[in-house]
Protein backbone atom coordinates (compact mmCIF):
# COMPACT_ATOMS: atom_id res chain seq x y z
CA MET A 1 33.83 76.57 76.17
CA GLU A 2 35.67 74.05 74.03
CA GLY A 3 34.67 71.15 76.24
CA SER A 4 30.99 71.73 75.53
CA LEU A 5 31.70 71.71 71.80
CA ASP A 6 33.80 68.57 71.84
CA ARG A 7 31.51 66.30 73.83
CA MET A 8 29.42 63.59 72.15
CA SER A 9 26.45 65.21 73.84
CA ALA A 10 22.88 65.41 72.64
CA GLU A 11 21.50 68.88 72.04
CA THR A 12 17.96 69.77 71.11
CA GLN A 13 17.83 71.59 67.79
CA GLY A 14 14.61 72.24 65.95
CA GLY A 15 12.69 69.80 68.11
CA PHE A 16 14.96 66.78 67.70
CA GLN A 17 18.05 65.42 69.41
CA SER A 18 21.29 66.37 67.66
CA ILE A 19 24.68 64.78 68.42
CA ALA A 20 27.16 67.66 68.68
CA ALA A 21 30.19 65.83 67.29
CA VAL A 22 28.20 64.68 64.25
CA ASP A 23 27.00 68.24 63.65
CA HIS A 24 30.58 69.47 63.85
CA ALA A 25 31.89 66.81 61.46
CA LEU A 26 29.16 67.66 58.96
CA ALA A 27 30.01 71.34 59.32
CA VAL A 28 33.62 70.51 58.39
CA LEU A 29 32.53 68.59 55.28
CA LYS A 30 30.04 71.26 54.18
CA THR A 31 32.60 74.02 54.63
CA LEU A 32 35.18 72.14 52.57
CA ALA A 33 32.56 71.38 49.91
CA THR A 34 31.75 75.07 49.44
CA SER A 35 35.34 76.31 49.53
CA ALA A 36 36.98 77.24 46.23
CA GLU A 37 40.35 76.01 47.49
CA PRO A 38 41.83 73.74 50.19
CA LEU A 39 41.79 75.24 53.70
CA GLY A 40 44.25 75.24 56.55
CA VAL A 41 43.13 74.11 60.00
CA ASN A 42 43.07 77.67 61.37
CA GLU A 43 40.91 78.98 58.54
CA LEU A 44 38.60 75.97 58.72
CA ALA A 45 38.16 76.42 62.48
CA ARG A 46 37.46 80.12 62.00
CA ARG A 47 34.78 79.53 59.38
CA ILE A 48 33.04 76.88 61.44
CA GLY A 49 33.40 78.70 64.74
CA LEU A 50 35.12 75.87 66.63
CA HIS A 51 38.40 75.72 68.51
CA LYS A 52 41.39 74.59 66.45
CA SER A 53 42.03 71.56 68.69
CA THR A 54 38.43 70.40 68.25
CA VAL A 55 38.68 70.71 64.48
CA SER A 56 42.00 68.86 64.48
CA ARG A 57 40.44 65.89 66.27
CA LEU A 58 37.52 65.86 63.87
CA LEU A 59 39.90 65.97 60.92
CA ARG A 60 41.88 62.98 62.19
CA THR A 61 38.71 60.89 62.33
CA LEU A 62 37.51 62.08 58.92
CA GLU A 63 40.94 61.41 57.44
CA ASN A 64 40.91 57.86 58.81
CA HIS A 65 37.71 57.29 56.82
CA HIS A 66 39.12 59.07 53.73
CA PHE A 67 36.49 61.82 53.87
CA ILE A 68 39.19 64.50 53.84
CA GLN A 69 42.73 64.67 52.48
CA ARG A 70 45.71 66.98 53.05
CA ASP A 71 48.11 68.27 50.43
CA ALA A 72 51.68 67.11 51.00
CA THR A 73 53.26 70.57 50.88
CA HIS A 74 51.23 72.76 53.22
CA GLY A 75 48.83 70.29 54.84
CA ARG A 76 45.79 72.15 53.54
CA ILE A 77 42.57 70.19 53.63
CA SER A 78 40.04 69.27 50.95
CA LEU A 79 37.36 66.64 50.54
CA GLY A 80 38.64 63.08 50.07
CA LEU A 81 37.63 60.17 47.90
CA GLY A 82 35.54 58.70 50.71
CA VAL A 83 32.92 61.34 49.95
CA VAL A 84 32.84 60.24 46.31
CA ALA A 85 32.48 56.59 47.34
CA LEU A 86 29.62 57.49 49.67
CA ALA A 87 27.80 59.50 47.03
CA GLY A 88 28.50 57.03 44.22
CA PRO A 89 25.35 54.88 44.52
CA MET A 90 23.10 57.95 44.55
CA LEU A 91 24.96 59.52 41.64
CA GLY A 92 24.55 56.26 39.77
CA ALA A 93 20.83 56.25 40.47
CA MET A 94 20.54 59.83 39.22
CA ASP A 95 22.40 58.88 36.03
CA VAL A 96 20.06 55.95 35.45
CA ILE A 97 17.02 58.20 35.86
CA ALA A 98 18.36 60.91 33.56
CA ILE A 99 19.46 58.45 30.89
CA GLY A 100 16.36 56.31 31.24
CA ARG A 101 13.69 58.99 31.05
CA PRO A 102 13.75 59.38 27.24
CA VAL A 103 13.24 55.62 26.94
CA LEU A 104 10.28 55.81 29.33
CA GLU A 105 8.79 58.69 27.36
CA ARG A 106 9.10 56.85 24.07
CA ILE A 107 7.44 53.70 25.43
CA ALA A 108 4.68 55.69 27.16
CA ASN A 109 3.92 57.51 23.91
CA THR A 110 3.98 54.27 21.92
CA THR A 111 1.80 52.21 24.26
CA GLY A 112 -0.25 54.86 26.01
CA GLU A 113 0.59 53.15 29.31
CA THR A 114 2.54 54.37 32.34
CA VAL A 115 6.21 53.36 32.31
CA SER A 116 8.52 53.45 35.33
CA LEU A 117 11.98 52.62 36.63
CA ALA A 118 12.75 50.75 39.85
CA LEU A 119 15.84 50.15 41.96
CA TRP A 120 16.52 47.44 44.55
CA ASN A 121 17.02 48.37 48.22
CA GLY A 122 18.08 44.88 49.28
CA LYS A 123 14.58 43.82 50.26
CA GLU A 124 12.05 45.57 48.04
CA ALA A 125 11.82 47.31 44.70
CA VAL A 126 11.69 51.11 44.92
CA MET A 127 10.00 53.12 42.19
CA VAL A 128 12.29 56.04 41.29
CA GLU A 129 10.86 57.49 38.07
CA GLN A 130 7.75 57.27 35.93
CA VAL A 131 6.17 58.73 32.83
CA LEU A 132 2.38 58.67 32.80
CA GLY A 133 0.55 57.10 29.91
CA THR A 134 -1.62 59.05 27.51
CA ARG A 135 -4.82 57.04 27.96
CA THR A 136 -7.78 58.21 30.04
CA VAL A 137 -7.27 55.47 32.64
CA VAL A 138 -3.62 54.92 33.56
CA HIS A 139 -1.67 53.55 36.50
CA TYR A 140 0.10 55.95 38.88
CA THR A 141 2.63 55.36 41.64
CA TRP A 142 4.65 57.89 43.60
CA ARG A 143 8.40 58.13 43.39
CA GLY A 144 10.12 56.50 46.33
CA LYS A 145 7.37 53.95 46.90
CA ALA A 146 8.71 50.53 47.92
CA VAL A 147 6.79 47.57 46.50
CA PRO A 148 6.96 43.89 47.49
CA ALA A 149 9.37 41.61 45.69
CA HIS A 150 7.14 38.57 45.25
CA SER A 151 3.93 40.24 44.05
CA THR A 152 5.14 42.80 41.51
CA ALA A 153 6.77 42.45 38.11
CA VAL A 154 9.70 44.69 39.06
CA GLY A 155 10.21 42.85 42.34
CA LYS A 156 10.21 39.44 40.68
CA ILE A 157 12.82 40.63 38.19
CA PHE A 158 15.13 41.61 41.04
CA LEU A 159 14.51 38.25 42.74
CA SER A 160 15.44 36.45 39.55
CA PHE A 161 18.92 38.01 39.64
CA LEU A 162 19.64 37.08 43.23
CA PRO A 163 21.71 33.93 43.80
CA ASP A 164 19.70 30.89 44.88
CA SER A 165 21.35 31.07 48.30
CA GLU A 166 19.59 34.42 48.84
CA VAL A 167 16.32 33.49 47.16
CA ARG A 168 15.73 30.35 49.24
CA PRO A 169 15.36 32.10 52.63
CA ILE A 170 13.07 34.70 51.05
CA LEU A 171 10.78 31.99 49.72
CA ALA A 172 11.02 30.03 52.97
CA ALA A 173 9.52 32.92 54.92
CA PRO A 174 5.73 33.39 54.72
CA LEU A 175 4.86 35.32 51.55
CA GLU A 176 2.14 37.88 52.16
CA ARG A 177 -1.05 37.47 50.14
CA PHE A 178 -2.31 40.77 48.73
CA THR A 179 -4.98 39.40 46.37
CA GLU A 180 -6.36 36.01 45.44
CA PHE A 181 -3.80 35.96 42.60
CA THR A 182 -0.67 36.53 44.72
CA ILE A 183 1.81 33.67 44.48
CA VAL A 184 2.46 32.55 48.05
CA ASP A 185 3.52 28.95 47.48
CA PRO A 186 7.36 28.79 47.54
CA ASP A 187 7.54 26.07 44.89
CA LYS A 188 5.32 28.04 42.52
CA MET A 189 7.36 31.18 43.14
CA ALA A 190 10.59 29.25 42.47
CA ALA A 191 9.08 28.08 39.17
CA GLU A 192 8.07 31.66 38.37
CA ILE A 193 11.63 32.88 39.00
CA ALA A 194 12.99 30.13 36.76
CA ARG A 195 10.62 31.23 33.98
CA ILE A 196 11.72 34.85 34.36
CA ARG A 197 15.38 33.87 34.14
CA GLN A 198 14.62 32.06 30.90
CA THR A 199 12.41 34.66 29.21
CA GLY A 200 13.96 37.89 30.52
CA TYR A 201 10.69 39.46 31.63
CA ALA A 202 8.21 39.21 34.51
CA LEU A 203 4.45 39.58 34.65
CA ASN A 204 2.19 40.79 37.41
CA VAL A 205 -1.44 39.93 36.77
CA GLU A 206 -3.42 41.39 39.69
CA GLU A 207 -0.93 39.87 42.15
CA ASN A 208 -0.32 43.03 44.15
CA GLU A 209 -3.53 44.98 43.52
CA LEU A 210 -6.77 43.96 41.85
CA GLU A 211 -7.26 45.41 38.36
CA SER A 212 -3.58 46.42 38.24
CA CYS A 213 -1.03 44.58 36.08
CA GLY A 214 2.50 45.05 34.86
CA VAL A 215 5.34 43.66 32.79
CA ALA A 216 9.01 44.33 33.55
CA SER A 217 12.54 43.66 32.33
CA ALA A 218 16.04 44.50 33.58
CA ALA A 219 18.53 46.98 32.15
CA TYR A 220 22.27 46.44 32.75
CA ASP A 221 25.20 48.74 33.35
CA PHE A 222 28.65 48.55 31.71
CA ASN A 223 29.69 45.89 34.23
CA GLY A 224 26.82 43.64 33.21
CA LYS A 225 25.02 44.16 36.52
CA VAL A 226 21.36 45.09 36.88
CA ALA A 227 21.21 48.89 36.91
CA THR A 228 17.44 49.29 37.02
CA VAL A 229 14.20 47.56 36.08
CA LEU A 230 11.85 48.96 33.46
CA ASN A 231 8.12 48.43 34.06
CA ILE A 232 4.96 49.01 32.04
CA ALA A 233 1.83 49.29 34.21
CA ILE A 234 -1.59 48.61 32.73
CA PRO A 235 -5.17 48.04 33.95
CA LYS A 236 -6.37 44.45 33.85
CA TYR A 237 -9.09 45.07 31.26
CA ARG A 238 -6.42 46.02 28.70
CA PHE A 239 -4.05 43.18 29.59
CA ASP A 240 -5.23 40.12 27.68
CA GLY A 241 -2.90 37.39 26.42
CA GLU A 242 -2.07 39.10 23.13
CA GLN A 243 -1.35 42.42 24.86
CA GLN A 244 0.83 40.67 27.45
CA LEU A 245 3.09 39.33 24.71
CA ARG A 246 3.17 42.66 22.87
CA LEU A 247 4.10 44.64 25.97
CA ALA A 248 6.64 42.00 27.00
CA GLU A 249 8.41 42.48 23.67
CA ILE A 250 8.29 46.27 24.08
CA VAL A 251 9.62 46.28 27.65
CA VAL A 252 12.42 43.83 26.80
CA GLU A 253 13.44 45.95 23.83
CA GLY A 254 13.23 49.11 25.95
CA ALA A 255 15.42 47.54 28.62
CA ARG A 256 17.88 46.50 25.92
CA GLU A 257 17.97 50.06 24.57
CA LEU A 258 18.52 51.48 28.06
CA SER A 259 21.28 48.93 28.70
CA GLY A 260 23.07 50.20 25.62
CA LYS A 261 22.78 53.79 26.82
CA LEU A 262 24.23 52.71 30.18
CA GLY A 263 27.25 51.18 28.46
CA TYR A 264 26.23 47.54 28.33
CA GLY A 265 26.18 47.44 24.55
CA ASN A 266 24.91 44.36 22.77
CA ARG A 267 26.46 41.70 24.99
CA ALA A 268 24.28 38.68 25.56
CA ARG A 269 22.76 38.18 28.99
């Protein structure tokens, strides 16, 4: 019966609770996405297997959020710009990964160290791509891993681009100590962020894990905003003062190259 289809009821599907109206709305969007042409309400309802009145109510809600649109002549339905807006951040991330990978490969081949890209989720840095180094002992992290902001090179880069009004409450909260080298004093971390803003790169010297180090720098998009952070990971025994400076120069240059590929060009920071 239509009433059972239209209710915001929970149904068990595949061992989890499924909200019927959400399932139906997603069915509408998926059907439109796979259709070669706009669909009328009757045809859409037939393909989904729902009553026309149920589909009409779903369409009104989806239209209010710009997820579907109707042509002015016949009222046929297709996906709206709201879908593009929703997918935009993920599409942007995929572009960054695809464009950035050749840069990672070049740096990994040049240095022999593992090189990765990270994005910001609003709280932590998330590793989204990596190219393993060519040396016998290299650093490895899995894609999708979230790492702390205050104890990693990539995280500190992201912190350095936040406005002070957002950084202050982060530093005011207790900073977790992961090793004896983790910076947990808010004044010292504020000084570290100031140094990063001045030099354009961040270091992690055993601050998140013992024997694990890194150096990172930001790449910008065509709007001048941080698109991603480039990181070189290296074991501590290969990360002396001279190597720190060398890799800092390489990662900054790599980030500059990636910025250019993302449309930032040669504009000054």
